[in-house]
């Protein structure tokens, strides 16, 4: 149960931070969690070999993955 809560909190933080970096605004709690969780998976899959091991680098990879997800979504929407 604690792992689920930590995962949701980290997902929310990475999604929120990626939203701030990419578009300058947050996307709401639920969308931040979804973007953060998907971005974490994408980032750690994509940047696993490029970044060193460690909690901070895992977080950095998660944020980069969330930014990548936001960029892909914006391309699909034709926003930016």
PDB file of N, CA and C in Angstrom:
ATOM      1  N   UNK A   1       0.826  -1.197   0.000  1.00  0.00           N
ATOM      2  CA  UNK A   1       0.000   0.000   0.000  1.00  0.00           C
ATOM      3  C   UNK A   1       0.875   1.267   0.000  1.00  0.00           C
ATOM      4  N   UNK A   2       1.947   1.235   0.761  1.00  0.00           N
ATOM      5  CA  UNK A   2       2.842   2.390   0.824  1.00  0.00           C
ATOM      6  C   UNK A   2       3.507   2.609  -0.532  1.00  0.00           C
ATOM      7  N   UNK A   3       3.894   1.533  -1.202  1.00  0.00           N
ATOM      8  CA  UNK A   3       4.529   1.662  -2.521  1.00  0.00           C
ATOM      9  C   UNK A   3       3.593   2.315  -3.525  1.00  0.00           C
ATOM     10  N   UNK A   4       2.307   1.988  -3.462  1.00  0.00           N
ATOM     11  CA  UNK A   4       1.328   2.597  -4.356  1.00  0.00           C
ATOM     12  C   UNK A   4       1.223   4.094  -4.095  1.00  0.00           C
ATOM     13  N   UNK A   5       1.189   4.469  -2.838  1.00  0.00           N
ATOM     14  CA  UNK A   5       1.089   5.887  -2.489  1.00  0.00           C
ATOM     15  C   UNK A   5       2.342   6.638  -2.942  1.00  0.00           C
ATOM     16  N   UNK A   6       3.513   6.055  -2.718  1.00  0.00           N
ATOM     17  CA  UNK A   6       4.763   6.696  -3.142  1.00  0.00           C
ATOM     18  C   UNK A   6       4.801   6.824  -4.662  1.00  0.00           C
ATOM     19  N   UNK A   7       4.367   5.783  -5.365  1.00  0.00           N
ATOM     20  CA  UNK A   7       4.336   5.816  -6.828  1.00  0.00           C
ATOM     21  C   UNK A   7       3.405   6.917  -7.326  1.00  0.00           C
ATOM     22  N   UNK A   8       2.243   7.061  -6.716  1.00  0.00           N
ATOM     23  CA  UNK A   8       1.310   8.112  -7.126  1.00  0.00           C
ATOM     24  C   UNK A   8       1.862   9.497  -6.823  1.00  0.00           C
ATOM     25  N   UNK A   9       2.517   9.662  -5.684  1.00  0.00           N
ATOM     26  CA  UNK A   9       3.089  10.967  -5.328  1.00  0.00           C
ATOM     27  C   UNK A   9       4.219  11.331  -6.290  1.00  0.00           C
ATOM     28  N   UNK A  10       5.118  10.375  -6.562  1.00  0.00           N
ATOM     29  CA  UNK A  10       6.210  10.628  -7.502  1.00  0.00           C
ATOM     30  C   UNK A  10       5.651  10.881  -8.900  1.00  0.00           C
ATOM     31  N   UNK A  11       4.643  10.117  -9.307  1.00  0.00           N
ATOM     32  CA  UNK A  11       4.006  10.341 -10.612  1.00  0.00           C
ATOM     33  C   UNK A  11       3.398  11.724 -10.713  1.00  0.00           C
ATOM     34  N   UNK A  12       2.756  12.165  -9.655  1.00  0.00           N
ATOM     35  CA  UNK A  12       2.160  13.500  -9.638  1.00  0.00           C
ATOM     36  C   UNK A  12       3.240  14.574  -9.720  1.00  0.00           C
ATOM     37  N   UNK A  13       4.310  14.399  -8.970  1.00  0.00           N
ATOM     38  CA  UNK A  13       5.400  15.379  -8.988  1.00  0.00           C
ATOM     39  C   UNK A  13       6.073  15.457 -10.354  1.00  0.00           C
ATOM     40  N   UNK A  14       6.364  14.310 -10.948  1.00  0.00           N
ATOM     41  CA  UNK A  14       7.025  14.333 -12.253  1.00  0.00           C
ATOM     42  C   UNK A  14       6.100  14.890 -13.320  1.00  0.00           C
ATOM     43  N   UNK A  15       4.830  14.541 -13.270  1.00  0.00           N
ATOM     44  CA  UNK A  15       3.870  15.093 -14.231  1.00  0.00           C
ATOM     45  C   UNK A  15       3.694  16.584 -14.082  1.00  0.00           C
ATOM     46  N   UNK A  16       3.617  17.046 -12.840  1.00  0.00           N
ATOM     47  CA  UNK A  16       3.475  18.480 -12.583  1.00  0.00           C
ATOM     48  C   UNK A  16       4.712  19.235 -13.056  1.00  0.00           C
ATOM     49  N   UNK A  17       5.894  18.717 -12.710  1.00  0.00           N
ATOM     50  CA  UNK A  17       7.139  19.372 -13.101  1.00  0.00           C
ATOM     51  C   UNK A  17       7.294  19.393 -14.621  1.00  0.00           C
ATOM     52  N   UNK A  18       6.968  18.300 -15.280  1.00  0.00           N
ATOM     53  CA  UNK A  18       7.044  18.264 -16.742  1.00  0.00           C
ATOM     54  C   UNK A  18       6.060  19.246 -17.365  1.00  0.00           C
ATOM     55  N   UNK A  19       4.864  19.368 -16.787  1.00  0.00           N
ATOM     56  CA  UNK A  19       3.887  20.332 -17.275  1.00  0.00           C
ATOM     57  C   UNK A  19       4.381  21.755 -17.125  1.00  0.00           C
ATOM     58  N   UNK A  20       5.037  22.045 -16.004  1.00  0.00           N
ATOM     59  CA  UNK A  20       5.599  23.380 -15.784  1.00  0.00           C
ATOM     60  C   UNK A  20       6.728  23.673 -16.769  1.00  0.00           C
ATOM     61  N   UNK A  21       7.594  22.702 -16.989  1.00  0.00           N
ATOM     62  CA  UNK A  21       8.725  22.893 -17.892  1.00  0.00           C
ATOM     63  C   UNK A  21       8.257  23.019 -19.332  1.00  0.00           C
ATOM     64  N   UNK A  22       7.343  22.152 -19.740  1.00  0.00           N
ATOM     65  CA  UNK A  22       6.947  22.095 -21.146  1.00  0.00           C
ATOM     66  C   UNK A  22       5.991  23.211 -21.537  1.00  0.00           C
ATOM     67  N   UNK A  23       4.940  23.406 -20.756  1.00  0.00           N
ATOM     68  CA  UNK A  23       3.931  24.367 -21.185  1.00  0.00           C
ATOM     69  C   UNK A  23       3.754  25.549 -20.238  1.00  0.00           C
ATOM     70  N   UNK A  24       4.434  25.541 -19.100  1.00  0.00           N
ATOM     71  CA  UNK A  24       4.333  26.659 -18.176  1.00  0.00           C
ATOM     72  C   UNK A  24       3.162  26.585 -17.229  1.00  0.00           C
ATOM     73  N   UNK A  25       2.381  25.505 -17.297  1.00  0.00           N
ATOM     74  CA  UNK A  25       1.256  25.359 -16.379  1.00  0.00           C
ATOM     75  C   UNK A  25       1.040  23.892 -16.066  1.00  0.00           C
ATOM     76  N   UNK A  26       0.402  23.638 -14.946  1.00  0.00           N
ATOM     77  CA  UNK A  26       0.075  22.264 -14.575  1.00  0.00           C
ATOM     78  C   UNK A  26      -1.109  21.770 -15.377  1.00  0.00           C
ATOM     79  N   UNK A  27      -1.391  20.486 -15.250  1.00  0.00           N
ATOM     80  CA  UNK A  27      -2.474  19.889 -16.028  1.00  0.00           C
ATOM     81  C   UNK A  27      -3.591  19.324 -15.161  1.00  0.00           C
ATOM     82  N   UNK A  28      -3.554  19.558 -13.869  1.00  0.00           N
ATOM     83  CA  UNK A  28      -4.525  18.978 -12.958  1.00  0.00           C
ATOM     84  C   UNK A  28      -3.957  17.711 -12.333  1.00  0.00           C
ATOM     85  N   UNK A  29      -4.464  17.357 -11.165  1.00  0.00           N
ATOM     86  CA  UNK A  29      -3.907  16.262 -10.386  1.00  0.00           C
ATOM     87  C   UNK A  29      -3.962  14.919 -11.110  1.00  0.00           C
ATOM     88  N   UNK A  30      -5.114  14.547 -11.623  1.00  0.00           N
ATOM     89  CA  UNK A  30      -5.272  13.235 -12.262  1.00  0.00           C
ATOM     90  C   UNK A  30      -4.420  13.143 -13.527  1.00  0.00           C
ATOM     91  N   UNK A  31      -4.461  14.165 -14.358  1.00  0.00           N
ATOM     92  CA  UNK A  31      -3.656  14.150 -15.583  1.00  0.00           C
ATOM     93  C   UNK A  31      -2.169  14.189 -15.256  1.00  0.00           C
ATOM     94  N   UNK A  32      -1.777  14.903 -14.204  1.00  0.00           N
ATOM     95  CA  UNK A  32      -0.377  14.904 -13.778  1.00  0.00           C
ATOM     96  C   UNK A  32       0.075  13.508 -13.369  1.00  0.00           C
ATOM     97  N   UNK A  33      -0.762  12.796 -12.635  1.00  0.00           N
ATOM     98  CA  UNK A  33      -0.422  11.437 -12.217  1.00  0.00           C
ATOM     99  C   UNK A  33      -0.278  10.532 -13.432  1.00  0.00           C
ATOM    100  N   UNK A  34      -1.214  10.626 -14.365  1.00  0.00           N
ATOM    101  CA  UNK A  34      -1.160   9.784 -15.568  1.00  0.00           C
ATOM    102  C   UNK A  34       0.078  10.114 -16.388  1.00  0.00           C
ATOM    103  N   UNK A  35       0.320  11.391 -16.635  1.00  0.00           N
ATOM    104  CA  UNK A  35       1.495  11.810 -17.407  1.00  0.00           C
ATOM    105  C   UNK A  35       2.767  11.396 -16.681  1.00  0.00           C
ATOM    106  N   UNK A  36       2.797  11.559 -15.372  1.00  0.00           N
ATOM    107  CA  UNK A  36       3.965  11.183 -14.590  1.00  0.00           C
ATOM    108  C   UNK A  36       4.246   9.694 -14.625  1.00  0.00           C
ATOM    109  N   UNK A  37       3.196   8.865 -14.513  1.00  0.00           N
ATOM    110  CA  UNK A  37       3.388   7.420 -14.538  1.00  0.00           C
ATOM    111  C   UNK A  37       3.805   6.936 -15.923  1.00  0.00           C
ATOM    112  N   UNK A  38       3.122   7.424 -16.952  1.00  0.00           N
ATOM    113  CA  UNK A  38       3.496   7.049 -18.320  1.00  0.00           C
ATOM    114  C   UNK A  38       4.885   7.592 -18.647  1.00  0.00           C
ATOM    115  N   UNK A  39       5.135   8.826 -18.255  1.00  0.00           N
ATOM    116  CA  UNK A  39       6.441   9.432 -18.498  1.00  0.00           C
ATOM    117  C   UNK A  39       7.561   8.720 -17.762  1.00  0.00           C
ATOM    118  N   UNK A  40       7.270   8.232 -16.570  1.00  0.00           N
ATOM    119  CA  UNK A  40       8.269   7.475 -15.824  1.00  0.00           C
ATOM    120  C   UNK A  40       8.637   6.202 -16.563  1.00  0.00           C
ATOM    121  N   UNK A  41       7.642   5.516 -17.053  1.00  0.00           N
ATOM    122  CA  UNK A  41       7.908   4.293 -17.800  1.00  0.00           C
ATOM    123  C   UNK A  41       8.678   4.595 -19.082  1.00  0.00           C
ATOM    124  N   UNK A  42       8.208   5.593 -19.831  1.00  0.00           N
ATOM    125  CA  UNK A  42       8.873   5.965 -21.088  1.00  0.00           C
ATOM    126  C   UNK A  42      10.296   6.456 -20.817  1.00  0.00           C
ATOM    127  N   UNK A  43      10.464   7.313 -19.829  1.00  0.00           N
ATOM    128  CA  UNK A  43      11.781   7.867 -19.523  1.00  0.00           C
ATOM    129  C   UNK A  43      12.772   6.819 -19.077  1.00  0.00           C
ATOM    130  N   UNK A  44      12.340   5.930 -18.219  1.00  0.00           N
ATOM    131  CA  UNK A  44      13.268   4.915 -17.733  1.00  0.00           C
ATOM    132  C   UNK A  44      13.553   3.867 -18.792  1.00  0.00           C
ATOM    133  N   UNK A  45      12.619   3.627 -19.681  1.00  0.00           N
ATOM    134  CA  UNK A  45      12.869   2.726 -20.801  1.00  0.00           C
ATOM    135  C   UNK A  45      13.822   3.375 -21.805  1.00  0.00           C
ATOM    136  N   UNK A  46      13.603   4.654 -22.082  1.00  0.00           N
ATOM    137  CA  UNK A  46      14.387   5.376 -23.086  1.00  0.00           C
ATOM    138  C   UNK A  46      15.779   5.750 -22.585  1.00  0.00           C
ATOM    139  N   UNK A  47      15.854   6.269 -21.375  1.00  0.00           N
ATOM    140  CA  UNK A  47      17.113   6.813 -20.866  1.00  0.00           C
ATOM    141  C   UNK A  47      17.863   5.870 -19.926  1.00  0.00           C
ATOM    142  N   UNK A  48      17.440   4.616 -19.839  1.00  0.00           N
ATOM    143  CA  UNK A  48      18.040   3.653 -18.911  1.00  0.00           C
ATOM    144  C   UNK A  48      19.536   3.501 -19.133  1.00  0.00           C
ATOM    145  N   UNK A  49      19.965   3.431 -20.369  1.00  0.00           N
ATOM    146  CA  UNK A  49      21.390   3.238 -20.669  1.00  0.00           C
ATOM    147  C   UNK A  49      22.180   4.550 -20.647  1.00  0.00           C
ATOM    148  N   UNK A  50      21.500   5.678 -20.780  1.00  0.00           N
ATOM    149  CA  UNK A  50      22.189   6.965 -20.840  1.00  0.00           C
ATOM    150  C   UNK A  50      22.471   7.574 -19.476  1.00  0.00           C
ATOM    151  N   UNK A  51      21.588   7.338 -18.508  1.00  0.00           N
ATOM    152  CA  UNK A  51      21.724   7.951 -17.189  1.00  0.00           C
ATOM    153  C   UNK A  51      22.301   6.953 -16.194  1.00  0.00           C
ATOM    154  N   UNK A  52      23.101   7.429 -15.243  1.00  0.00           N
ATOM    155  CA  UNK A  52      23.628   6.525 -14.217  1.00  0.00           C
ATOM    156  C   UNK A  52      22.513   6.036 -13.289  1.00  0.00           C
ATOM    157  N   UNK A  53      22.808   4.978 -12.538  1.00  0.00           N
ATOM    158  CA  UNK A  53      21.834   4.453 -11.575  1.00  0.00           C
ATOM    159  C   UNK A  53      21.708   5.378 -10.383  1.00  0.00           C
ATOM    160  N   UNK A  54      20.548   5.373  -9.766  1.00  0.00           N
ATOM    161  CA  UNK A  54      20.324   6.169  -8.566  1.00  0.00           C
ATOM    162  C   UNK A  54      18.938   6.783  -8.567  1.00  0.00           C
ATOM    163  N   UNK A  55      18.480   7.116  -7.392  1.00  0.00           N
ATOM    164  CA  UNK A  55      17.131   7.653  -7.231  1.00  0.00           C
ATOM    165  C   UNK A  55      16.960   8.983  -7.944  1.00  0.00           C
ATOM    166  N   UNK A  56      17.940   9.858  -7.823  1.00  0.00           N
ATOM    167  CA  UNK A  56      17.842  11.177  -8.466  1.00  0.00           C
ATOM    168  C   UNK A  56      17.784  11.014  -9.977  1.00  0.00           C
ATOM    169  N   UNK A  57      18.628  10.141 -10.522  1.00  0.00           N
ATOM    170  CA  UNK A  57      18.639   9.938 -11.973  1.00  0.00           C
ATOM    171  C   UNK A  57      17.378   9.252 -12.446  1.00  0.00           C
ATOM    172  N   UNK A  58      16.793   8.414 -11.607  1.00  0.00           N
ATOM    173  CA  UNK A  58      15.503   7.808 -11.945  1.00  0.00           C
ATOM    174  C   UNK A  58      14.439   8.891 -12.043  1.00  0.00           C
ATOM    175  N   UNK A  59      14.467   9.842 -11.113  1.00  0.00           N
ATOM    176  CA  UNK A  59      13.524  10.957 -11.127  1.00  0.00           C
ATOM    177  C   UNK A  59      13.746  11.830 -12.357  1.00  0.00           C
ATOM    178  N   UNK A  60      15.015  12.112 -12.685  1.00  0.00           N
ATOM    179  CA  UNK A  60      15.340  12.909 -13.878  1.00  0.00           C
ATOM    180  C   UNK A  60      14.841  12.205 -15.136  1.00  0.00           C
ATOM    181  N   UNK A  61      15.062  10.901 -15.226  1.00  0.00           N
ATOM    182  CA  UNK A  61      14.571  10.133 -16.371  1.00  0.00           C
ATOM    183  C   UNK A  61      13.056  10.158 -16.460  1.00  0.00           C
ATOM    184  N   UNK A  62      12.398  10.118 -15.306  1.00  0.00           N
ATOM    185  CA  UNK A  62      10.938  10.182 -15.271  1.00  0.00           C
ATOM    186  C   UNK A  62      10.430  11.525 -15.777  1.00  0.00           C
ATOM    187  N   UNK A  63      11.068  12.607 -15.353  1.00  0.00           N
ATOM    188  CA  UNK A  63      10.660  13.943 -15.804  1.00  0.00           C
ATOM    189  C   UNK A  63      10.910  14.094 -17.302  1.00  0.00           C
ATOM    190  N   UNK A  64      12.071  13.643 -17.771  1.00  0.00           N
ATOM    191  CA  UNK A  64      12.357  13.707 -19.210  1.00  0.00           C
ATOM    192  C   UNK A  64      11.352  12.885 -20.011  1.00  0.00           C
ATOM    193  N   UNK A  65      10.989  11.721 -19.490  1.00  0.00           N
ATOM    194  CA  UNK A  65       9.982  10.897 -20.159  1.00  0.00           C
ATOM    195  C   UNK A  65       8.618  11.572 -20.187  1.00  0.00           C
ATOM    196  N   UNK A  66       8.246  12.229 -19.080  1.00  0.00           N
ATOM    197  CA  UNK A  66       6.967  12.938 -19.038  1.00  0.00           C
ATOM    198  C   UNK A  66       6.963  14.109 -20.017  1.00  0.00           C
ATOM    199  N   UNK A  67       8.097  14.811 -20.140  1.00  0.00           N
ATOM    200  CA  UNK A  67       8.199  15.894 -21.127  1.00  0.00           C
ATOM    201  C   UNK A  67       8.061  15.323 -22.531  1.00  0.00           C
ATOM    202  N   UNK A  68       8.679  14.181 -22.769  1.00  0.00           N
ATOM    203  CA  UNK A  68       8.567  13.518 -24.070  1.00  0.00           C
ATOM    204  C   UNK A  68       7.118  13.144 -24.368  1.00  0.00           C
ATOM    205  N   UNK A  69       6.421  12.632 -23.369  1.00  0.00           N
ATOM    206  CA  UNK A  69       5.001  12.284 -23.540  1.00  0.00           C
ATOM    207  C   UNK A  69       4.188  13.533 -23.840  1.00  0.00           C
ATOM    208  N   UNK A  70       4.430  14.625 -23.114  1.00  0.00           N
ATOM    209  CA  UNK A  70       3.703  15.870 -23.377  1.00  0.00           C
ATOM    210  C   UNK A  70       3.987  16.403 -24.776  1.00  0.00           C
ATOM    211  N   UNK A  71       5.222  16.283 -25.227  1.00  0.00           N
ATOM    212  CA  UNK A  71       5.580  16.734 -26.571  1.00  0.00           C
ATOM    213  C   UNK A  71       4.847  15.914 -27.631  1.00  0.00           C
ATOM    214  N   UNK A  72       4.803  14.604 -27.450  1.00  0.00           N
ATOM    215  CA  UNK A  72       4.101  13.731 -28.404  1.00  0.00           C
ATOM    216  C   UNK A  72       2.607  14.046 -28.416  1.00  0.00           C
ATOM    217  N   UNK A  73       2.030  14.253 -27.234  1.00  0.00           N
ATOM    218  CA  UNK A  73       0.603  14.603 -27.166  1.00  0.00           C
ATOM    219  C   UNK A  73       0.346  15.937 -27.858  1.00  0.00           C
ATOM    220  N   UNK A  74       1.247  16.915 -27.680  1.00  0.00           N
ATOM    221  CA  UNK A  74       1.062  18.205 -28.340  1.00  0.00           C
ATOM    222  C   UNK A  74       1.179  18.090 -29.856  1.00  0.00           C
ATOM    223  N   UNK A  75       2.054  17.193 -30.333  1.00  0.00           N
ATOM    224  CA  UNK A  75       2.149  16.969 -31.780  1.00  0.00           C
ATOM    225  C   UNK A  75       0.859  16.359 -32.335  1.00  0.00           C
ATOM    226  N   UNK A  76       0.305  15.433 -31.589  1.00  0.00           N
ATOM    227  CA  UNK A  76      -0.937  14.789 -32.005  1.00  0.00           C
ATOM    228  C   UNK A  76      -2.076  15.809 -32.023  1.00  0.00           C
ATOM    229  N   UNK A  77      -2.131  16.661 -31.009  1.00  0.00           N
ATOM    230  CA  UNK A  77      -3.174  17.680 -30.942  1.00  0.00           C
ATOM    231  C   UNK A  77      -2.921  18.825 -31.904  1.00  0.00           C
ATOM    232  N   UNK A  78      -1.671  18.970 -32.369  1.00  0.00           N
ATOM    233  CA  UNK A  78      -1.324  20.076 -33.251  1.00  0.00           C
ATOM    234  C   UNK A  78      -1.212  21.379 -32.513  1.00  0.00           C
ATOM    235  N   UNK A  79      -0.868  21.307 -31.223  1.00  0.00           N
ATOM    236  CA  UNK A  79      -0.833  22.483 -30.375  1.00  0.00           C
ATOM    237  C   UNK A  79       0.428  23.318 -30.566  1.00  0.00           C
ATOM    238  N   UNK A  80       1.599  22.677 -30.583  1.00  0.00           N
ATOM    239  CA  UNK A  80       2.853  23.436 -30.654  1.00  0.00           C
ATOM    240  C   UNK A  80       3.642  23.027 -31.853  1.00  0.00           C
TER     241      UNK A  80
END
